[in-house]
Amino acid sequence: MTSIRSGARRAPLLLLLLGVFAGTLFASLPARAGTPDEYLRQAREAQSTGDLQAAERFYLMVPPPGPLGDDGQFVESRMQVARQRFALKDLDGAEAAAREVLAVYPDNAEAVNLAGSVVRERLPKWRRYLDDTLRFLPTLLHGSLMTLALVLFTMAVSPFGGLLIALGRISPVKLLSGTCWFVIWFFRGTPLLLQLFFIYYGLPALGVTLKPMSAAFMGLGLNYSAYLAEIIRGAIQSIDHGQTEAAKALGMTPWQTMRRVIIPQTYKRLVPPVGNEFIALIKDTALVSTIAMVELMRSADQIFNAYFNVTVLVLAAAIYLCFTSVFTFVFERVEHRLGVYERR
């Protein structure tokens, strides 16, 4: 009777030990009976916690396309493994995972690109930079033509617009002077980006719809005309008032005095500040990329978002530096030529 009771007491303990052992055994085995969706969910959870080995194990459990496997799930799982291995510099493993996809879907663009990235990663650094330059430079140069067009247009229009606004600003006519003051105050006091947004996105609400190029030309032209107006006004008013009195003594009209005497003397004083404004203009053209203008900055941004390759940013910076260097040299030469008589 005592042995029976002791055996009855041991039975729950044995069952508990067997349950723990079975649970440990089944937990150590991969859950191959799960569905592809479950494997993907478990893989993402492991990836989010930083357990990359467990994530890769679950991704590899997703079967190939067939009765139990779905093509989208298979491609996603293998490409996740390939990208993870590529990030960890396991090039052979990344290529093997990409080849699994290509064995089933030879035309899969994502797998083809990753396999090409593996081949490229195995090249020497100088060769990779050279290949990137040859691949990205034509697109960047095409975008830089639009940047150059924006710069040249603004350089051609804004000096005349600035001169007219400056003459109106110093006009004795109060209405004209006040209007020109308001134009200068508004365009100098608000960001160029905001002005571009208003012209491109705001004017359609008022019934005026412009194409991106027209909006960019208008925004840059108005903004730089306002800045140059203050520079020109300061240069005009810096000329000694005796010059105006002498012109009047010769019988010149106010317009003749301004055109023949005052304005020609401002050229030497205008070149340095105007040159600085146009150098800044080269960089400010990057803002028009926000209104769907495909110029140098937008071209670089599109390529970088597609390839995540920093070489394209270095190339874009080099092109901007070339533009600014050329314009700086030109303005220095112009300043030198205009000041030749003052040095004698």
Protein backbone atom coordinates (compact mmCIF):
# COMPACT_ATOMS: atom_id res chain seq x y z
CA MET A 1 0.00 0.00 0.00
CA THR A 2 2.87 2.37 0.87
CA SER A 3 4.66 1.65 -2.45
CA ILE A 4 1.47 2.34 -4.37
CA ARG A 5 1.02 5.71 -2.64
CA SER A 6 4.66 6.70 -3.23
CA GLY A 7 4.32 5.71 -6.90
CA ALA A 8 1.19 7.81 -7.18
CA ARG A 9 3.08 10.77 -5.70
CA ARG A 10 5.94 10.34 -8.20
CA ALA A 11 3.64 10.18 -11.25
CA PRO A 12 2.86 13.95 -11.46
CA LEU A 13 6.54 14.70 -10.99
CA LEU A 14 7.50 12.37 -13.86
CA LEU A 15 4.82 13.83 -16.09
CA LEU A 16 6.09 17.34 -15.32
CA LEU A 17 9.68 16.36 -16.16
CA LEU A 18 8.54 14.70 -19.39
CA GLY A 19 6.59 17.84 -20.33
CA VAL A 20 9.58 20.09 -19.74
CA PHE A 21 11.83 17.75 -21.75
CA ALA A 22 9.36 17.57 -24.63
CA GLY A 23 8.89 21.34 -24.63
CA THR A 24 12.64 21.90 -24.74
CA LEU A 25 13.03 19.35 -27.52
CA PHE A 26 10.28 20.81 -29.69
CA ALA A 27 11.47 24.38 -29.04
CA SER A 28 14.93 23.48 -30.33
CA LEU A 29 13.48 22.15 -33.59
CA PRO A 30 12.66 24.60 -36.42
CA ALA A 31 8.97 25.16 -36.89
CA ARG A 32 8.92 23.79 -40.43
CA ALA A 33 5.25 23.10 -40.24
CA GLY A 34 4.56 26.86 -40.19
CA THR A 35 3.33 28.91 -43.13
CA PRO A 36 5.55 31.24 -45.24
CA ASP A 37 3.72 34.23 -43.78
CA GLU A 38 4.56 33.05 -40.27
CA TYR A 39 8.21 32.56 -41.18
CA LEU A 40 8.37 36.06 -42.63
CA ARG A 41 6.73 37.52 -39.54
CA GLN A 42 9.13 35.74 -37.22
CA ALA A 43 12.07 36.82 -39.38
CA ARG A 44 11.01 40.47 -39.26
CA GLU A 45 10.57 40.33 -35.51
CA ALA A 46 14.03 38.82 -35.09
CA GLN A 47 15.47 41.45 -37.44
CA SER A 48 13.84 44.26 -35.50
CA THR A 49 15.48 43.02 -32.29
CA GLY A 50 18.89 42.73 -33.95
CA ASP A 51 19.01 38.90 -33.98
CA LEU A 52 20.23 38.64 -37.56
CA GLN A 53 21.10 34.95 -37.37
CA ALA A 54 17.58 34.01 -36.29
CA ALA A 55 16.14 36.32 -38.94
CA GLU A 56 18.20 34.64 -41.66
CA ARG A 57 17.17 31.20 -40.41
CA PHE A 58 13.48 32.07 -40.61
CA TYR A 59 13.88 33.71 -44.04
CA LEU A 60 15.53 30.58 -45.40
CA MET A 61 12.60 28.46 -44.15
CA VAL A 62 10.33 30.11 -46.75
CA PRO A 63 10.00 27.43 -49.46
CA PRO A 64 10.45 28.05 -53.19
CA PRO A 65 7.35 28.65 -55.33
CA GLY A 66 5.12 25.61 -55.40
CA PRO A 67 2.17 24.11 -53.55
CA LEU A 68 3.40 25.53 -50.22
CA GLY A 69 5.41 28.51 -51.41
CA ASP A 70 4.44 31.84 -52.92
CA ASP A 71 6.68 33.56 -55.43
CA GLY A 72 6.47 36.98 -53.74
CA GLN A 73 7.28 35.56 -50.34
CA PHE A 74 10.18 33.55 -51.73
CA VAL A 75 11.71 36.53 -53.51
CA GLU A 76 11.29 38.75 -50.46
CA SER A 77 12.88 36.22 -48.12
CA ARG A 78 15.90 35.51 -50.29
CA MET A 79 16.50 39.17 -51.14
CA GLN A 80 16.33 40.07 -47.46
CA VAL A 81 18.99 37.44 -46.82
CA ALA A 82 21.07 38.73 -49.73
CA ARG A 83 20.90 42.35 -48.55
CA GLN A 84 21.70 41.36 -44.98
CA ARG A 85 24.73 39.35 -46.05
CA PHE A 86 25.85 42.12 -48.38
CA ALA A 87 25.70 44.63 -45.53
CA LEU A 88 27.83 42.30 -43.44
CA LYS A 89 30.38 42.01 -46.31
CA ASP A 90 29.55 38.33 -46.86
CA LEU A 91 29.78 38.72 -50.63
CA ASP A 92 29.71 35.00 -51.43
CA GLY A 93 26.64 34.46 -49.28
CA ALA A 94 24.88 37.50 -50.75
CA GLU A 95 25.56 36.31 -54.28
CA ALA A 96 24.32 32.80 -53.43
CA ALA A 97 21.01 34.17 -52.10
CA ALA A 98 20.56 36.35 -55.16
CA ARG A 99 21.33 33.41 -57.44
CA GLU A 100 18.56 31.43 -55.76
CA VAL A 101 16.09 34.05 -56.97
CA LEU A 102 17.66 34.23 -60.43
CA ALA A 103 17.44 30.43 -60.76
CA VAL A 104 13.66 30.74 -60.56
CA TYR A 105 13.19 34.25 -61.99
CA PRO A 106 16.12 35.11 -64.29
CA ASP A 107 14.71 38.58 -65.05
CA ASN A 108 14.21 39.76 -61.47
CA ALA A 109 15.67 43.28 -61.51
CA GLU A 110 16.38 43.44 -57.79
CA ALA A 111 18.38 40.19 -57.82
CA VAL A 112 20.23 41.21 -60.97
CA ASN A 113 21.21 44.56 -59.44
CA LEU A 114 22.38 42.96 -56.21
CA ALA A 115 24.44 40.37 -58.07
CA GLY A 116 25.97 43.22 -60.06
CA SER A 117 26.70 45.09 -56.83
CA VAL A 118 28.54 42.04 -55.51
CA VAL A 119 30.67 41.90 -58.65
CA ARG A 120 31.34 45.64 -58.36
CA GLU A 121 32.25 45.35 -54.67
CA ARG A 122 34.99 42.88 -55.54
CA LEU A 123 36.70 45.42 -57.83
CA PRO A 124 39.51 47.71 -56.59
CA LYS A 125 38.30 51.01 -55.16
CA TRP A 126 39.80 53.12 -57.94
CA ARG A 127 38.00 50.99 -60.52
CA ARG A 128 34.68 51.36 -58.68
CA TYR A 129 35.05 55.14 -58.54
CA LEU A 130 35.93 55.24 -62.23
CA ASP A 131 32.93 53.09 -63.16
CA ASP A 132 30.62 55.22 -61.02
CA THR A 133 31.93 58.40 -62.62
CA LEU A 134 31.40 57.07 -66.14
CA ARG A 135 27.92 55.86 -65.21
CA PHE A 136 26.63 58.94 -63.37
CA LEU A 137 28.45 61.84 -65.02
CA PRO A 138 26.38 61.99 -68.26
CA THR A 139 23.13 62.36 -66.30
CA LEU A 140 24.67 65.00 -64.02
CA LEU A 141 26.05 66.95 -66.97
CA HIS A 142 22.62 66.93 -68.58
CA GLY A 143 21.16 68.35 -65.38
CA SER A 144 23.96 70.91 -65.14
CA LEU A 145 22.90 72.34 -68.53
CA MET A 146 19.59 73.34 -66.95
CA THR A 147 21.47 74.84 -64.00
CA LEU A 148 23.60 76.85 -66.41
CA ALA A 149 20.51 78.00 -68.30
CA LEU A 150 18.92 79.23 -65.07
CA VAL A 151 22.11 81.09 -64.11
CA LEU A 152 22.57 82.76 -67.50
CA PHE A 153 18.92 83.78 -67.75
CA THR A 154 18.95 85.33 -64.27
CA MET A 155 22.27 87.07 -64.99
CA ALA A 156 20.79 88.57 -68.15
CA VAL A 157 17.48 89.70 -66.64
CA SER A 158 18.18 90.69 -63.03
CA PRO A 159 20.65 93.57 -63.72
CA PHE A 160 18.09 95.34 -65.90
CA GLY A 161 15.29 94.60 -63.45
CA GLY A 162 17.48 95.76 -60.57
CA LEU A 163 18.40 98.96 -62.40
CA LEU A 164 14.74 99.82 -63.07
CA ILE A 165 13.77 99.10 -59.45
CA ALA A 166 16.75 101.12 -58.17
CA LEU A 167 15.86 104.12 -60.36
CA GLY A 168 12.26 103.89 -59.18
CA ARG A 169 13.45 103.65 -55.58
CA ILE A 170 15.35 106.97 -55.81
CA SER A 171 12.65 108.63 -57.91
CA PRO A 172 11.03 111.78 -56.48
CA VAL A 173 7.61 110.34 -57.39
CA LYS A 174 6.29 109.00 -54.07
CA LEU A 175 4.02 106.31 -55.53
CA LEU A 176 6.77 104.89 -57.72
CA SER A 177 9.35 105.08 -54.95
CA GLY A 178 7.00 103.39 -52.47
CA THR A 179 6.11 100.60 -54.90
CA CYS A 180 9.78 99.85 -55.60
CA TRP A 181 10.53 99.95 -51.87
CA PHE A 182 7.78 97.37 -51.28
CA VAL A 183 9.17 95.07 -54.01
CA ILE A 184 12.64 95.22 -52.47
CA TRP A 185 11.26 94.75 -48.95
CA PHE A 186 9.16 91.73 -49.90
CA PHE A 187 11.64 89.80 -52.03
CA ARG A 188 14.59 90.45 -49.72
CA GLY A 189 12.56 89.69 -46.60
CA THR A 190 11.14 86.30 -47.59
CA PRO A 191 13.04 83.09 -48.44
CA LEU A 192 13.63 82.29 -52.09
CA LEU A 193 12.24 78.80 -51.47
CA LEU A 194 8.96 80.27 -50.22
CA GLN A 195 8.75 82.53 -53.26
CA LEU A 196 9.25 79.56 -55.60
CA PHE A 197 6.57 77.61 -53.75
CA PHE A 198 4.12 80.49 -54.00
CA ILE A 199 4.75 81.01 -57.71
CA TYR A 200 4.49 77.31 -58.61
CA TYR A 201 1.93 76.04 -56.09
CA GLY A 202 0.12 79.19 -54.99
CA LEU A 203 -0.57 81.02 -58.24
CA PRO A 204 -2.71 78.16 -59.66
CA ALA A 205 -5.23 78.93 -56.88
CA LEU A 206 -5.46 82.42 -58.40
CA GLY A 207 -5.95 81.03 -61.90
CA VAL A 208 -2.31 81.32 -63.05
CA THR A 209 -0.57 78.03 -63.77
CA LEU A 210 3.09 77.99 -64.76
CA LYS A 211 5.39 75.22 -65.87
CA PRO A 212 8.34 74.43 -63.57
CA MET A 213 10.84 76.18 -65.86
CA SER A 214 8.72 79.34 -66.13
CA ALA A 215 8.19 79.40 -62.36
CA ALA A 216 11.92 78.97 -61.75
CA PHE A 217 12.82 81.77 -64.17
CA MET A 218 10.26 84.11 -62.60
CA GLY A 219 11.25 83.33 -59.02
CA LEU A 220 14.99 83.70 -59.57
CA GLY A 221 14.58 86.78 -61.76
CA LEU A 222 12.41 88.67 -59.27
CA ASN A 223 14.46 87.68 -56.24
CA TYR A 224 17.81 88.69 -57.70
CA SER A 225 16.40 91.85 -59.27
CA ALA A 226 15.38 92.97 -55.78
CA TYR A 227 18.83 92.20 -54.33
CA LEU A 228 20.65 93.91 -57.20
CA ALA A 229 18.35 96.92 -56.94
CA GLU A 230 19.72 97.76 -53.50
CA ILE A 231 23.30 97.20 -54.70
CA ILE A 232 22.77 99.47 -57.71
CA ARG A 233 20.98 102.11 -55.64
CA GLY A 234 23.87 102.20 -53.19
CA ALA A 235 26.39 102.51 -56.03
CA ILE A 236 24.45 105.34 -57.68
CA GLN A 237 24.07 107.30 -54.47
CA SER A 238 27.77 106.84 -53.66
CA ILE A 239 28.75 109.00 -56.66
CA ASP A 240 29.62 112.52 -55.57
CA HIS A 241 26.70 114.95 -55.99
CA GLY A 242 29.06 117.36 -57.73
CA GLN A 243 28.93 115.11 -60.79
CA THR A 244 25.20 115.75 -61.09
CA GLU A 245 25.67 119.49 -60.63
CA ALA A 246 28.36 119.54 -63.33
CA ALA A 247 26.10 117.66 -65.75
CA LYS A 248 23.28 120.14 -65.09
CA ALA A 249 25.69 123.00 -65.77
CA LEU A 250 26.40 121.44 -69.16
CA GLY A 251 22.69 121.41 -69.94
CA MET A 252 22.05 117.67 -69.54
CA THR A 253 18.65 116.39 -68.56
CA PRO A 254 18.31 114.15 -65.47
CA TRP A 255 18.03 111.07 -67.72
CA GLN A 256 21.13 112.07 -69.71
CA THR A 257 23.00 112.73 -66.49
CA MET A 258 22.13 109.32 -65.13
CA ARG A 259 22.89 107.50 -68.39
CA ARG A 260 26.09 109.28 -69.41
CA VAL A 261 27.67 110.39 -66.14
CA ILE A 262 26.42 108.57 -63.04
CA ILE A 263 25.79 104.98 -64.13
CA PRO A 264 29.10 104.52 -66.02
CA GLN A 265 30.98 105.50 -62.86
CA THR A 266 29.22 102.79 -60.85
CA TYR A 267 30.50 99.87 -62.94
CA LYS A 268 33.74 99.41 -61.00
CA ARG A 269 31.90 99.58 -57.69
CA LEU A 270 29.20 97.18 -58.81
CA VAL A 271 31.36 94.29 -60.03
CA PRO A 272 32.43 92.80 -56.63
CA PRO A 273 28.98 92.73 -54.96
CA VAL A 274 27.19 91.73 -58.16
CA GLY A 275 29.77 89.00 -58.72
CA ASN A 276 29.12 87.67 -55.21
CA GLU A 277 25.39 87.61 -55.88
CA PHE A 278 25.84 85.63 -59.08
CA ILE A 279 28.16 83.16 -57.35
CA ALA A 280 25.41 82.63 -54.76
CA LEU A 281 22.94 82.28 -57.63
CA ILE A 282 24.76 79.17 -58.90
CA LYS A 283 24.10 77.48 -55.57
CA ASP A 284 20.59 78.86 -55.16
CA THR A 285 19.49 77.18 -58.38
CA ALA A 286 19.46 73.95 -56.36
CA LEU A 287 16.26 75.22 -54.70
CA VAL A 288 14.28 74.88 -57.94
CA SER A 289 14.57 71.11 -57.56
CA THR A 290 11.71 71.44 -55.04
CA ILE A 291 9.29 72.48 -57.81
CA ALA A 292 10.02 69.48 -60.07
CA MET A 293 12.79 71.15 -62.09
CA VAL A 294 15.32 68.53 -63.15
CA GLU A 295 18.58 70.42 -62.81
CA LEU A 296 21.93 69.38 -61.33
CA MET A 297 20.79 68.99 -57.71
CA ARG A 298 17.63 67.08 -58.56
CA SER A 299 19.55 64.79 -60.92
CA ALA A 300 22.05 64.03 -58.15
CA ASP A 301 19.24 63.44 -55.65
CA GLN A 302 17.43 61.02 -57.97
CA ILE A 303 20.58 59.01 -58.65
CA PHE A 304 21.52 58.91 -54.96
CA ASN A 305 18.05 57.71 -53.96
CA ALA A 306 18.25 54.96 -56.57
CA TYR A 307 21.80 53.72 -55.83
CA PHE A 308 22.70 55.15 -52.39
CA ASN A 309 26.12 55.86 -53.85
CA VAL A 310 28.00 58.81 -52.35
CA THR A 311 30.13 59.19 -55.49
CA VAL A 312 27.26 60.99 -57.21
CA LEU A 313 27.25 63.66 -54.47
CA VAL A 314 31.00 64.15 -54.88
CA LEU A 315 30.56 64.57 -58.64
CA ALA A 316 27.74 67.10 -58.16
CA ALA A 317 29.88 69.08 -55.72
CA ALA A 318 32.75 69.06 -58.24
CA ILE A 319 30.48 70.43 -60.99
CA TYR A 320 29.22 73.22 -58.71
CA LEU A 321 32.82 74.06 -57.80
CA CYS A 322 33.75 74.22 -61.49
CA PHE A 323 30.89 76.61 -62.19
CA THR A 324 31.72 78.89 -59.26
CA SER A 325 35.45 78.85 -60.11
CA VAL A 326 34.83 79.86 -63.72
CA PHE A 327 32.45 82.69 -62.76
CA THR A 328 34.81 83.89 -60.03
CA PHE A 329 37.67 84.08 -62.54
CA VAL A 330 35.51 85.96 -65.06
CA PHE A 331 34.35 88.56 -62.53
CA GLU A 332 37.90 89.05 -61.28
CA ARG A 333 39.06 89.74 -64.83
CA VAL A 334 36.19 92.15 -65.42
CA GLU A 335 37.00 94.01 -62.20
CA HIS A 336 40.65 94.16 -63.21
CA ARG A 337 39.81 95.62 -66.63
CA LEU A 338 37.41 98.21 -65.26
CA GLY A 339 39.96 99.40 -62.69
CA VAL A 340 42.89 99.67 -65.10
CA TYR A 341 42.53 103.45 -65.50
CA GLU A 342 42.23 104.05 -61.77
CA ARG A 343 45.62 102.40 -61.17
CA ARG A 344 47.47 104.66 -63.60
